[in-house]
Amino acid sequence: MDAKEEILDDPQDDVVDPSESQKVVSEFMVALARAIRDQDMTTLDSLYEVRFNAITDRYFKAQVWPAFDFVAPLVSNDDLLMTLYRELYYRHIYAKLTPTIHDRIASWENYQHLFQVIIDTPLPLVLPIHWLWDMIDEFIYQFQTFHQYRPKLKQRTEEEICLLKAHPQLWDLPIVLDILQRLMQRSNIVVMLRDQGEKSLLPSPGKVANADLLRRQLGYFAIIELVRVQCLLGDYTTALTTLSSINIQAKGLYLRVPACHSAVCYYMGFSFMMLRRYLDAIRTFQGILRTRLYHTRSYQYDTLVKKNEQMYALLALCLALYPQRIDENLQAVLRERLADKISRLQRGDESAFEEMFGFACPKFINPAQPNYDDLQANTTLDAHKLQAKSFMKEIKEQLQLAAVRSYLKLYTSIAVPKLARFLDVDEPKCREMLAMLKDKSKMLVYDPAVHSSITEGHPVLLWDIDFTVDGDTVKVEPPRAPRGQHEYFLRQVRKLQTLQANVSRLDGSPAYITPGDYTLTPAGRNAFFSLLPNE
């Protein structure tokens, strides 16, 4: 058996022997060092995606990987390899165990060192894109969990509080943002995506990958993680602006990593929803939920499943706010999983909206330093409460305006005082409700054929009613006829007519082909097929 094959075989013994686990880890690290030195991407991918997870499941489900003193001699005390090993070591603690305050400090320092080396040093390093994504995604995950851990002062020990006071810059928001920005700037990824597109993220034919390619790929993923941080802070407009650097319509690098694809669609769709762009959110969630993303080898499998469930809930929320026909299979899954919740949403049950938002939203953070003099304070949920309050304010206003819409549907014109009596409010309040309804009656919709950025869009009526207020009279516009299938057939007829006109010019045939005239010369036949659309 080849040495490489022996290293990649999964251990089969049921009894875990410490000496055996040390031997397996030694073989893994030696193979990893060799693959990195030789830039053997196939072996690196297998070691990271398969072997690391197999060793973890066999030997380290409930304990940490071997200490650094044991591993360092195996890789000749190489600083880069030890930095990568520490990244895997602490990631395993966060995934399978409970990190201590010392783990949080050490992991933070290791990430700072790792990204500093990548940004400033021309390394002859290649890593699989799954590893690069997991690395930077874990960096932001640990940042997020720290800001949920730190405010719970009542649960912290005296030693933890002392260490938190002594490290005020631990997982500090400005430093994290600076690292992401530097990864983007050092790689020049935004300019390269604009000028060269996704091909700038692929190795040149016949050349080995280099530090520039690794930086570009990390810079690309840094854009997506910056979008995540901006969503965690509730800055949805900036999040979409940042994401617009990536051409979402193109088959980009993010599609090659299931967890990255899921993250892009989740945060983009959530931002659309919070900005009242419900149709764009529905299209985003519908597109991703029709794609099977599960990647059973990845340690992020559970995260993928959870994100999938959250996006189903967000899709149900958006459909309740802007009813649409969606894919039949997707509709069936929604009814199967969320039948009761969907029924409550359709009845206007505010508690159902609040429950589903609480389940499906990101874990928002408050990056401010806590007041260490007030140990009873707990500001962990402050950011979540603020975002939930904003969302529920919108829901309550829309439910309140439903009565106004129902009355306006019955009239072509109605006096404001009369409408106020129907609504059981005074006239100023009625005018305020009409102004609010008018303001909320339109949303932006992104069209990739027209708009260059997902931040752009054309206004579309949110409801099937529009009106104007002329003095004391509300004039209701006649409802537009629902778009039927006839538009599709008319569009195809126009395409056929254009095609026939082109053929007639090439072959001298009649301008319109009649049912009895289908004969073309060979030259005309070839020209005809060359004109057919690629659909």
Protein backbone atom coordinates (compact mmCIF):
# COMPACT_ATOMS: atom_id res chain seq x y z
CA MET A 1 0.00 0.00 0.00
CA ASP A 2 1.23 3.46 -0.91
CA ALA A 3 2.22 5.67 2.05
CA LYS A 4 -0.20 8.40 0.97
CA GLU A 5 -3.05 5.87 0.70
CA GLU A 6 -2.22 4.51 4.16
CA ILE A 7 -2.42 8.01 5.62
CA LEU A 8 -5.81 8.63 4.04
CA ASP A 9 -7.37 5.36 5.29
CA ASP A 10 -9.90 5.80 8.08
CA PRO A 11 -9.03 4.10 11.40
CA GLN A 12 -11.27 1.12 12.10
CA ASP A 13 -10.47 0.06 15.65
CA ASP A 14 -13.19 0.56 18.21
CA VAL A 15 -10.84 1.09 21.17
CA VAL A 16 -9.10 4.46 21.15
CA ASP A 17 -5.46 4.14 22.16
CA PRO A 18 -3.62 7.41 22.97
CA SER A 19 -0.49 6.18 21.24
CA GLU A 20 -2.54 5.28 18.18
CA SER A 21 -4.15 8.74 18.04
CA GLN A 22 -0.73 10.38 18.32
CA LYS A 23 0.56 8.22 15.48
CA VAL A 24 -2.42 9.11 13.28
CA VAL A 25 -2.00 12.83 14.01
CA SER A 26 1.71 12.59 13.28
CA GLU A 27 1.01 11.00 9.90
CA PHE A 28 -1.66 13.63 9.19
CA MET A 29 0.63 16.57 9.97
CA VAL A 30 3.57 15.12 8.01
CA ALA A 31 1.29 14.54 5.01
CA LEU A 32 -0.15 18.06 5.37
CA ALA A 33 3.31 19.64 5.49
CA ARG A 34 4.39 17.66 2.41
CA ALA A 35 1.23 18.57 0.46
CA ILE A 36 1.62 22.29 1.28
CA ARG A 37 5.30 22.22 0.32
CA ASP A 38 4.55 20.41 -2.97
CA GLN A 39 1.42 22.51 -3.65
CA ASP A 40 -0.46 19.22 -4.08
CA MET A 41 -4.03 20.57 -4.14
CA THR A 42 -5.65 17.12 -4.59
CA THR A 43 -4.02 15.71 -1.46
CA LEU A 44 -4.61 18.94 0.48
CA ASP A 45 -8.30 18.79 -0.37
CA SER A 46 -8.53 15.16 0.72
CA LEU A 47 -6.62 15.77 3.95
CA TYR A 48 -8.78 18.75 4.89
CA GLU A 49 -12.20 17.61 3.71
CA VAL A 50 -11.97 13.90 4.56
CA ARG A 51 -9.07 13.00 6.80
CA PHE A 52 -9.28 15.80 9.34
CA ASN A 53 -12.98 15.13 9.95
CA ALA A 54 -12.41 11.36 10.12
CA ILE A 55 -9.66 11.72 12.73
CA THR A 56 -11.79 14.16 14.74
CA ASP A 57 -14.79 11.80 14.75
CA ARG A 58 -12.64 8.81 15.67
CA TYR A 59 -10.32 10.21 18.31
CA PHE A 60 -11.26 13.77 19.34
CA LYS A 61 -15.03 13.99 19.60
CA ALA A 62 -14.86 15.00 23.27
CA GLN A 63 -11.30 16.22 23.66
CA VAL A 64 -8.89 18.68 22.12
CA TRP A 65 -6.39 17.82 19.40
CA PRO A 66 -2.76 17.22 20.55
CA ALA A 67 -0.86 20.07 22.18
CA PHE A 68 1.30 22.42 20.13
CA ASP A 69 4.51 21.09 21.73
CA PHE A 70 3.73 17.65 20.30
CA VAL A 71 2.94 18.91 16.79
CA ALA A 72 5.71 21.52 16.34
CA PRO A 73 8.60 19.01 15.85
CA LEU A 74 6.53 17.13 13.24
CA VAL A 75 6.55 20.21 10.97
CA SER A 76 10.08 21.39 11.85
CA ASN A 77 8.62 24.23 13.96
CA ASP A 78 7.40 25.92 10.77
CA ASP A 79 5.56 29.11 11.80
CA LEU A 80 2.99 29.03 8.99
CA LEU A 81 2.12 25.35 9.49
CA MET A 82 1.78 25.83 13.24
CA THR A 83 -0.46 28.87 12.67
CA LEU A 84 -2.69 26.79 10.38
CA TYR A 85 -2.71 23.94 12.93
CA ARG A 86 -3.71 26.33 15.73
CA GLU A 87 -6.55 27.62 13.52
CA LEU A 88 -7.85 24.03 13.15
CA TYR A 89 -7.22 23.33 16.85
CA TYR A 90 -9.32 26.23 18.13
CA ARG A 91 -11.98 25.77 15.46
CA HIS A 92 -12.44 22.20 16.74
CA ILE A 93 -12.85 23.52 20.31
CA TYR A 94 -15.57 25.95 19.20
CA ALA A 95 -17.35 23.25 17.16
CA LYS A 96 -17.19 20.27 19.55
CA LEU A 97 -16.29 21.62 23.02
CA THR A 98 -16.73 24.81 25.05
CA PRO A 99 -14.03 27.48 24.61
CA THR A 100 -12.58 29.08 27.72
CA ILE A 101 -11.63 32.74 27.94
CA HIS A 102 -8.01 31.65 27.37
CA ASP A 103 -9.06 29.84 24.17
CA ARG A 104 -10.86 32.95 22.96
CA ILE A 105 -7.79 35.12 23.58
CA ALA A 106 -5.37 32.66 21.98
CA SER A 107 -7.58 32.09 18.92
CA TRP A 108 -7.95 35.87 18.42
CA GLU A 109 -4.19 36.35 18.54
CA ASN A 110 -3.64 33.45 16.15
CA TYR A 111 -6.12 34.83 13.60
CA GLN A 112 -4.46 38.25 13.76
CA HIS A 113 -1.08 36.66 13.11
CA LEU A 114 -2.42 34.41 10.31
CA PHE A 115 -4.06 37.23 8.37
CA GLN A 116 -1.09 39.53 8.94
CA VAL A 117 1.20 36.91 7.38
CA ILE A 118 -1.15 36.39 4.41
CA ILE A 119 -1.56 40.13 3.82
CA ASP A 120 2.07 41.19 4.16
CA THR A 121 4.15 38.16 3.09
CA PRO A 122 4.44 36.75 -0.46
CA LEU A 123 3.83 33.15 0.59
CA PRO A 124 4.24 30.19 -1.79
CA LEU A 125 1.01 28.82 -0.32
CA VAL A 126 -2.05 27.16 -1.83
CA LEU A 127 -5.09 26.00 0.14
CA PRO A 128 -8.41 24.51 -1.01
CA ILE A 129 -11.14 27.12 -1.38
CA HIS A 130 -13.28 25.23 1.16
CA TRP A 131 -10.51 25.71 3.74
CA LEU A 132 -10.16 29.40 2.89
CA TRP A 133 -13.90 29.93 3.29
CA ASP A 134 -14.08 27.94 6.52
CA MET A 135 -11.12 29.88 7.88
CA ILE A 136 -12.58 33.35 7.37
CA ASP A 137 -16.12 32.24 8.18
CA GLU A 138 -14.90 30.79 11.49
CA PHE A 139 -13.10 34.06 12.20
CA ILE A 140 -16.37 36.00 12.00
CA TYR A 141 -18.27 33.26 13.85
CA GLN A 142 -15.87 33.51 16.79
CA PHE A 143 -16.18 37.30 16.69
CA GLN A 144 -19.96 36.97 16.80
CA THR A 145 -20.00 34.43 19.66
CA PHE A 146 -17.60 36.57 21.70
CA HIS A 147 -20.00 39.52 21.60
CA GLN A 148 -22.76 37.22 22.82
CA TYR A 149 -20.48 35.82 25.55
CA ARG A 150 -18.99 39.04 26.96
CA PRO A 151 -22.17 40.92 28.02
CA LYS A 152 -23.33 38.04 30.26
CA LEU A 153 -21.36 39.38 33.21
CA LYS A 154 -23.50 37.58 35.78
CA GLN A 155 -22.31 34.25 34.38
CA ARG A 156 -18.63 35.22 34.25
CA THR A 157 -16.10 34.30 36.93
CA GLU A 158 -13.88 36.86 38.62
CA GLU A 159 -10.90 35.64 36.54
CA GLU A 160 -12.87 36.02 33.30
CA ILE A 161 -13.94 39.56 34.16
CA CYS A 162 -10.36 40.50 35.03
CA LEU A 163 -9.12 39.11 31.70
CA LEU A 164 -11.89 40.88 29.78
CA LYS A 165 -10.93 44.17 31.44
CA ALA A 166 -7.27 43.55 30.64
CA HIS A 167 -8.02 42.87 26.94
CA PRO A 168 -10.37 45.67 25.81
CA GLN A 169 -9.38 45.10 22.15
CA LEU A 170 -10.26 41.40 22.24
CA TRP A 171 -12.39 40.67 19.15
CA ASP A 172 -12.85 44.41 18.78
CA LEU A 173 -15.19 45.47 15.95
CA PRO A 174 -12.88 48.14 14.39
CA ILE A 175 -9.98 45.66 14.27
CA VAL A 176 -12.15 42.93 12.72
CA LEU A 177 -13.46 45.36 10.09
CA ASP A 178 -9.90 46.53 9.43
CA ILE A 179 -8.74 42.95 8.80
CA LEU A 180 -11.57 42.33 6.33
CA GLN A 181 -10.94 45.64 4.56
CA ARG A 182 -7.20 44.97 4.32
CA LEU A 183 -7.82 41.52 2.86
CA MET A 184 -10.00 43.17 0.21
CA GLN A 185 -7.60 46.05 -0.47
CA ARG A 186 -4.39 43.98 -0.51
CA SER A 187 -5.91 41.61 -3.06
CA ASN A 188 -7.46 44.49 -5.05
CA ILE A 189 -10.41 42.13 -5.44
CA VAL A 190 -13.13 44.74 -5.99
CA VAL A 191 -11.29 46.32 -8.93
CA MET A 192 -10.39 42.91 -10.39
CA LEU A 193 -13.98 41.69 -10.18
CA ARG A 194 -15.14 44.85 -11.92
CA ASP A 195 -12.52 44.67 -14.70
CA GLN A 196 -11.94 40.93 -15.16
CA GLY A 197 -14.87 39.20 -13.50
CA GLU A 198 -14.64 35.78 -11.87
CA LYS A 199 -11.77 34.61 -14.07
CA SER A 200 -9.42 36.62 -11.83
CA LEU A 201 -10.11 34.03 -9.10
CA LEU A 202 -8.89 31.07 -11.15
CA PRO A 203 -5.26 29.96 -11.56
CA SER A 204 -3.65 30.75 -14.90
CA PRO A 205 -3.37 27.71 -17.21
CA GLY A 206 -0.04 25.95 -16.86
CA LYS A 207 0.95 27.89 -13.74
CA VAL A 208 0.91 26.84 -10.11
CA ALA A 209 -1.25 28.86 -7.77
CA ASN A 210 0.54 31.60 -5.89
CA ALA A 211 0.11 34.03 -3.02
CA ASP A 212 -1.73 36.51 -5.24
CA LEU A 213 -4.41 33.95 -6.10
CA LEU A 214 -4.80 32.96 -2.44
CA ARG A 215 -5.12 36.62 -1.47
CA ARG A 216 -7.72 37.21 -4.18
CA GLN A 217 -9.80 34.26 -3.06
CA LEU A 218 -9.56 35.33 0.58
CA GLY A 219 -10.41 38.90 -0.42
CA TYR A 220 -13.47 37.60 -2.29
CA PHE A 221 -14.66 35.71 0.79
CA ALA A 222 -13.87 38.77 2.94
CA ILE A 223 -16.49 40.71 0.93
CA ILE A 224 -19.13 38.15 1.90
CA GLU A 225 -18.06 38.11 5.55
CA LEU A 226 -18.16 41.91 5.62
CA VAL A 227 -21.76 41.67 4.41
CA ARG A 228 -22.43 39.29 7.30
CA VAL A 229 -20.95 41.70 9.86
CA GLN A 230 -22.99 44.58 8.45
CA CYS A 231 -26.16 42.50 8.77
CA LEU A 232 -25.25 41.60 12.37
CA LEU A 233 -25.06 45.35 13.02
CA GLY A 234 -28.38 46.02 11.24
CA ASP A 235 -26.87 48.03 8.37
CA TYR A 236 -28.73 46.39 5.48
CA THR A 237 -28.27 49.10 2.85
CA THR A 238 -24.50 49.02 3.29
CA ALA A 239 -24.59 45.21 3.23
CA LEU A 240 -26.23 45.20 -0.22
CA THR A 241 -23.82 47.89 -1.42
CA THR A 242 -20.87 45.75 -0.31
CA LEU A 243 -22.31 42.61 -1.91
CA SER A 244 -22.86 44.44 -5.21
CA SER A 245 -19.10 44.07 -5.83
CA ILE A 246 -19.89 40.44 -6.69
CA ASN A 247 -21.94 39.64 -9.77
CA ILE A 248 -24.58 37.41 -8.16
CA GLN A 249 -26.03 36.49 -11.56
CA ALA A 250 -22.72 35.00 -12.74
CA LYS A 251 -21.63 31.50 -11.75
CA GLY A 252 -19.09 32.80 -9.28
CA LEU A 253 -16.68 31.33 -6.77
CA TYR A 254 -19.31 31.40 -4.02
CA LEU A 255 -21.27 28.66 -5.83
CA ARG A 256 -18.34 26.25 -5.43
CA VAL A 257 -18.59 26.29 -1.63
CA PRO A 258 -22.07 25.24 -0.38
CA ALA A 259 -21.72 27.04 2.96
CA CYS A 260 -20.66 30.24 1.16
CA HIS A 261 -23.55 29.98 -1.31
CA SER A 262 -25.97 29.56 1.59
CA ALA A 263 -24.49 32.55 3.45
CA VAL A 264 -24.67 34.84 0.40
CA CYS A 265 -28.35 34.07 -0.24
CA TYR A 266 -29.31 34.18 3.45
CA TYR A 267 -27.82 37.61 4.18
CA MET A 268 -28.83 39.08 0.82
CA GLY A 269 -32.41 37.81 1.19
CA PHE A 270 -32.63 38.99 4.80
CA SER A 271 -31.37 42.45 3.83
CA PHE A 272 -33.97 42.65 1.05
CA MET A 273 -36.70 41.70 3.52
CA MET A 274 -35.69 44.29 6.10
CA LEU A 275 -35.63 46.95 3.37
CA ARG A 276 -39.19 45.99 2.32
CA ARG A 277 -38.01 44.53 -1.00
CA TYR A 278 -40.12 41.43 -0.56
CA LEU A 279 -40.17 40.24 -4.18
CA ASP A 280 -36.36 40.33 -4.38
CA ALA A 281 -36.19 38.43 -1.09
CA ILE A 282 -38.67 35.80 -2.35
CA ARG A 283 -36.67 35.30 -5.55
CA THR A 284 -33.44 34.98 -3.56
CA PHE A 285 -34.79 32.40 -1.12
CA GLN A 286 -36.65 30.50 -3.82
CA GLY A 287 -33.48 30.21 -5.91
CA ILE A 288 -31.35 28.82 -3.08
CA LEU A 289 -34.01 26.50 -1.61
CA ARG A 290 -34.45 24.75 -4.94
CA THR A 291 -30.74 23.87 -4.85
CA ARG A 292 -29.45 20.96 -2.82
CA LEU A 293 -26.54 22.33 -0.80
CA TYR A 294 -25.94 19.65 1.79
CA HIS A 295 -22.29 18.73 2.02
CA THR A 296 -22.06 15.81 4.45
CA ARG A 297 -18.26 15.82 4.67
CA SER A 298 -18.07 19.38 5.94
CA TYR A 299 -18.06 20.29 9.61
CA GLN A 300 -20.54 23.00 8.57
CA TYR A 301 -23.25 20.46 7.67
CA ASP A 302 -25.35 21.30 10.75
CA THR A 303 -25.00 25.01 9.99
CA LEU A 304 -26.20 24.43 6.43
CA VAL A 305 -29.28 22.57 7.67
CA LYS A 306 -30.08 25.34 10.18
CA LYS A 307 -29.65 28.08 7.56
CA ASN A 308 -31.93 26.12 5.24
CA GLU A 309 -34.69 26.01 7.88
CA GLN A 310 -34.25 29.72 8.59
CA MET A 311 -34.61 30.58 4.90
CA TYR A 312 -37.86 28.57 4.69
CA ALA A 313 -39.19 30.66 7.58
CA LEU A 314 -38.04 33.91 5.95
CA LEU A 315 -39.66 32.87 2.67
CA ALA A 316 -42.94 32.23 4.52
CA LEU A 317 -42.73 35.70 6.12
CA CYS A 318 -42.11 37.40 2.76
CA LEU A 319 -44.98 35.50 1.10
CA ALA A 320 -47.31 36.60 3.90
CA LEU A 321 -46.31 40.22 3.25
CA TYR A 322 -46.32 39.95 -0.54
CA PRO A 323 -48.32 36.90 -1.74
CA GLN A 324 -46.81 35.33 -4.86
CA ARG A 325 -46.95 32.12 -6.80
CA ILE A 326 -43.78 30.12 -6.21
CA ASP A 327 -42.41 26.78 -7.32
CA GLU A 328 -44.98 24.05 -6.60
CA ASN A 329 -42.48 21.70 -4.96
CA LEU A 330 -41.25 24.51 -2.73
CA GLN A 331 -44.82 25.43 -1.86
CA ALA A 332 -45.48 21.82 -0.87
CA VAL A 333 -42.43 21.80 1.41
CA LEU A 334 -43.57 25.03 3.04
CA ARG A 335 -47.03 23.61 3.71
CA GLU A 336 -45.53 20.43 5.13
CA ARG A 337 -43.08 22.16 7.48
CA LEU A 338 -44.84 25.39 8.41
CA ALA A 339 -48.56 24.81 7.81
CA ASP A 340 -49.66 26.07 11.23
CA LYS A 341 -47.35 29.10 11.18
CA ILE A 342 -48.39 30.05 7.65
CA SER A 343 -52.06 29.86 8.65
CA ARG A 344 -51.40 32.19 11.58
CA LEU A 345 -49.46 34.60 9.36
CA GLN A 346 -52.33 34.77 6.88
CA ARG A 347 -54.74 35.58 9.73
CA GLY A 348 -52.52 38.52 10.74
CA ASP A 349 -51.35 36.96 14.02
CA GLU A 350 -48.61 39.33 15.24
CA SER A 351 -47.14 36.72 17.58
CA ALA A 352 -46.55 34.39 14.60
CA PHE A 353 -44.56 37.11 12.80
CA GLU A 354 -42.52 37.74 15.95
CA GLU A 355 -41.84 34.04 16.58
CA MET A 356 -40.71 33.34 13.04
CA PHE A 357 -38.54 36.45 12.92
CA GLY A 358 -36.88 35.40 16.19
CA PHE A 359 -36.11 31.96 14.76
CA ALA A 360 -34.95 33.05 11.31
CA CYS A 361 -33.01 36.28 11.95
CA PRO A 362 -29.21 36.43 12.48
CA LYS A 363 -27.83 36.63 16.01
CA PHE A 364 -27.37 40.38 16.13
CA ILE A 365 -24.54 41.80 18.21
CA ASN A 366 -23.87 44.87 20.31
CA PRO A 367 -20.11 45.50 19.98
CA ALA A 368 -20.01 48.10 22.78
CA GLN A 369 -18.02 47.40 25.94
CA PRO A 370 -20.25 46.31 28.86
CA ASN A 371 -20.35 48.17 32.15
CA TYR A 372 -18.15 45.99 34.37
CA ASP A 373 -19.36 47.85 37.47
CA ASP A 374 -22.89 46.48 36.96
CA LEU A 375 -22.51 42.70 37.03
CA GLN A 376 -26.29 42.17 36.93
CA ALA A 377 -26.61 43.85 33.54
CA ASN A 378 -27.02 41.71 30.44
CA THR A 379 -27.13 43.55 27.12
CA THR A 380 -26.80 40.41 24.95
CA LEU A 381 -30.31 40.69 23.51
CA ASP A 382 -30.43 44.47 23.13
CA ALA A 383 -29.46 44.39 19.46
CA HIS A 384 -31.97 41.62 18.72
CA LYS A 385 -34.76 43.47 20.50
CA LEU A 386 -34.02 46.62 18.50
CA GLN A 387 -34.20 44.80 15.15
CA ALA A 388 -37.29 42.83 16.19
CA LYS A 389 -38.98 46.05 17.28
CA SER A 390 -38.23 47.65 13.90
CA PHE A 391 -39.60 44.62 12.03
CA MET A 392 -42.73 44.36 14.18
CA LYS A 393 -43.40 48.09 13.78
CA GLU A 394 -43.56 47.52 10.03
CA ILE A 395 -45.83 44.48 10.49
CA LYS A 396 -48.24 46.34 12.78
CA GLU A 397 -48.46 49.24 10.35
CA GLN A 398 -49.19 46.91 7.44
CA LEU A 399 -51.88 45.06 9.41
CA GLN A 400 -53.40 48.40 10.41
CA LEU A 401 -53.42 49.58 6.79
CA ALA A 402 -55.14 46.40 5.61
CA ALA A 403 -58.50 47.88 6.67
CA VAL A 404 -57.83 51.03 4.61
CA ARG A 405 -57.03 48.93 1.55
CA SER A 406 -60.15 46.83 1.96
CA TYR A 407 -62.39 49.93 1.92
CA LEU A 408 -60.58 51.54 -1.02
CA LYS A 409 -61.14 48.41 -3.11
CA LEU A 410 -64.89 49.02 -2.89
CA TYR A 411 -64.81 52.53 -4.39
CA THR A 412 -63.50 54.43 -7.38
CA SER A 413 -63.60 57.58 -5.25
CA ILE A 414 -64.52 58.27 -1.63
CA ALA A 415 -64.56 61.35 0.58
CA VAL A 416 -61.90 61.47 3.28
CA PRO A 417 -64.47 62.22 6.07
CA LYS A 418 -66.54 59.22 4.99
CA LEU A 419 -63.49 56.94 4.98
CA ALA A 420 -62.55 58.25 8.42
CA ARG A 421 -65.99 57.27 9.75
CA PHE A 422 -65.61 53.77 8.28
CA LEU A 423 -62.23 53.42 9.98
CA ASP A 424 -63.55 54.87 13.23
CA VAL A 425 -60.79 57.52 13.38
CA ASP A 426 -60.75 61.28 13.07
CA GLU A 427 -59.99 62.96 9.75
CA PRO A 428 -56.34 63.95 10.52
CA LYS A 429 -55.62 60.37 11.56
CA CYS A 430 -57.27 59.11 8.36
CA ARG A 431 -55.07 61.39 6.25
CA GLU A 432 -52.03 60.16 8.16
CA MET A 433 -53.00 56.55 7.40
CA LEU A 434 -53.51 57.38 3.72
CA ALA A 435 -50.07 59.03 3.57
CA MET A 436 -48.54 55.99 5.24
CA LEU A 437 -50.33 53.64 2.84
CA LYS A 438 -49.10 55.65 -0.13
CA ASP A 439 -45.55 55.63 1.19
CA LYS A 440 -45.58 51.88 1.74
CA SER A 441 -47.45 50.97 -1.43
CA LYS A 442 -44.32 50.60 -3.56
CA MET A 443 -41.11 48.61 -3.32
CA LEU A 444 -37.97 48.39 -5.42
CA VAL A 445 -37.47 45.33 -7.60
CA TYR A 446 -34.10 44.41 -9.05
CA ASP A 447 -33.94 43.40 -12.71
CA PRO A 448 -30.50 42.07 -13.77
CA ALA A 449 -31.25 42.90 -17.40
CA VAL A 450 -31.74 46.58 -16.55
CA HIS A 451 -29.90 47.36 -13.31
CA SER A 452 -26.16 47.11 -12.78
CA SER A 453 -26.35 46.63 -9.00
CA ILE A 454 -28.62 44.84 -6.54
CA THR A 455 -28.97 48.16 -4.71
CA GLU A 456 -30.96 49.47 -7.69
CA GLY A 457 -34.50 48.65 -8.79
CA HIS A 458 -37.66 49.94 -10.36
CA PRO A 459 -40.71 50.76 -8.20
CA VAL A 460 -43.49 48.16 -8.19
CA LEU A 461 -46.87 48.30 -6.42
CA LEU A 462 -46.78 46.26 -3.26
CA TRP A 463 -50.55 45.78 -3.29
CA ASP A 464 -53.13 45.57 -6.09
CA ILE A 465 -54.38 49.10 -5.44
CA ASP A 466 -53.20 52.66 -6.04
CA PHE A 467 -54.81 56.00 -5.31
CA THR A 468 -54.36 59.76 -5.15
CA VAL A 469 -55.80 62.28 -2.69
CA ASP A 470 -57.32 65.34 -4.34
CA GLY A 471 -58.46 67.73 -1.62
CA ASP A 472 -61.10 65.89 0.38
CA THR A 473 -61.51 63.08 -2.14
CA VAL A 474 -59.59 59.84 -2.47
CA LYS A 475 -59.50 58.78 -6.11
CA VAL A 476 -58.81 55.07 -6.52
CA GLU A 477 -57.04 53.92 -9.67
CA PRO A 478 -58.68 50.97 -11.43
CA PRO A 479 -56.87 47.75 -10.57
CA ARG A 480 -54.55 46.40 -13.18
CA ALA A 481 -55.55 43.13 -14.79
CA PRO A 482 -53.39 40.29 -13.51
CA ARG A 483 -50.67 39.31 -15.90
CA GLY A 484 -51.72 36.13 -17.66
CA GLN A 485 -50.08 33.59 -19.91
CA HIS A 486 -50.99 35.61 -23.01
CA GLU A 487 -47.92 37.83 -22.54
CA TYR A 488 -45.63 34.82 -22.83
CA PHE A 489 -47.27 33.64 -26.06
CA LEU A 490 -47.30 37.14 -27.55
CA ARG A 491 -43.60 37.43 -26.80
CA GLN A 492 -42.92 34.11 -28.54
CA VAL A 493 -45.02 35.17 -31.55
CA ARG A 494 -42.95 38.35 -31.87
CA LYS A 495 -39.75 36.31 -31.71
CA LEU A 496 -41.06 34.01 -34.46
CA GLN A 497 -42.03 36.94 -36.65
CA THR A 498 -38.56 38.44 -36.28
CA LEU A 499 -36.99 35.07 -37.09
CA GLN A 500 -39.16 34.63 -40.17
CA ALA A 501 -38.27 38.10 -41.42
CA ASN A 502 -34.56 37.32 -41.06
CA VAL A 503 -34.96 34.01 -42.89
CA SER A 504 -36.82 35.67 -45.74
CA ARG A 505 -33.92 38.08 -46.25
CA LEU A 506 -31.41 35.23 -46.35
CA ASP A 507 -33.36 32.85 -48.59
CA GLY A 508 -35.73 35.01 -50.57
CA SER A 509 -38.70 33.25 -48.92
CA PRO A 510 -42.00 35.04 -48.16
CA ALA A 511 -41.90 37.46 -45.26
CA TYR A 512 -44.18 35.14 -43.26
CA ILE A 513 -44.12 31.39 -43.63
CA THR A 514 -47.58 29.97 -44.27
CA PRO A 515 -48.64 26.48 -43.12
CA GLY A 516 -48.09 25.14 -46.64
CA ASP A 517 -44.69 26.72 -47.24
CA TYR A 518 -41.94 25.05 -45.18
CA THR A 519 -39.35 24.36 -47.91
CA LEU A 520 -36.02 26.14 -47.67
CA THR A 521 -32.86 25.78 -49.71
CA PRO A 522 -29.86 24.22 -47.86
CA ALA A 523 -28.32 27.68 -47.41
CA GLY A 524 -31.57 29.02 -46.00
CA ARG A 525 -31.95 26.02 -43.73
CA ASN A 526 -28.46 26.54 -42.27
CA ALA A 527 -29.15 30.24 -41.81
CA PHE A 528 -32.45 29.43 -40.11
CA PHE A 529 -30.85 27.17 -37.50
CA SER A 530 -28.05 29.65 -36.88
CA LEU A 531 -30.69 32.24 -35.94
CA LEU A 532 -32.50 30.08 -33.40
CA PRO A 533 -32.19 31.45 -29.84
CA ASN A 534 -30.10 29.49 -27.35
CA GLU A 535 -32.91 28.64 -24.96
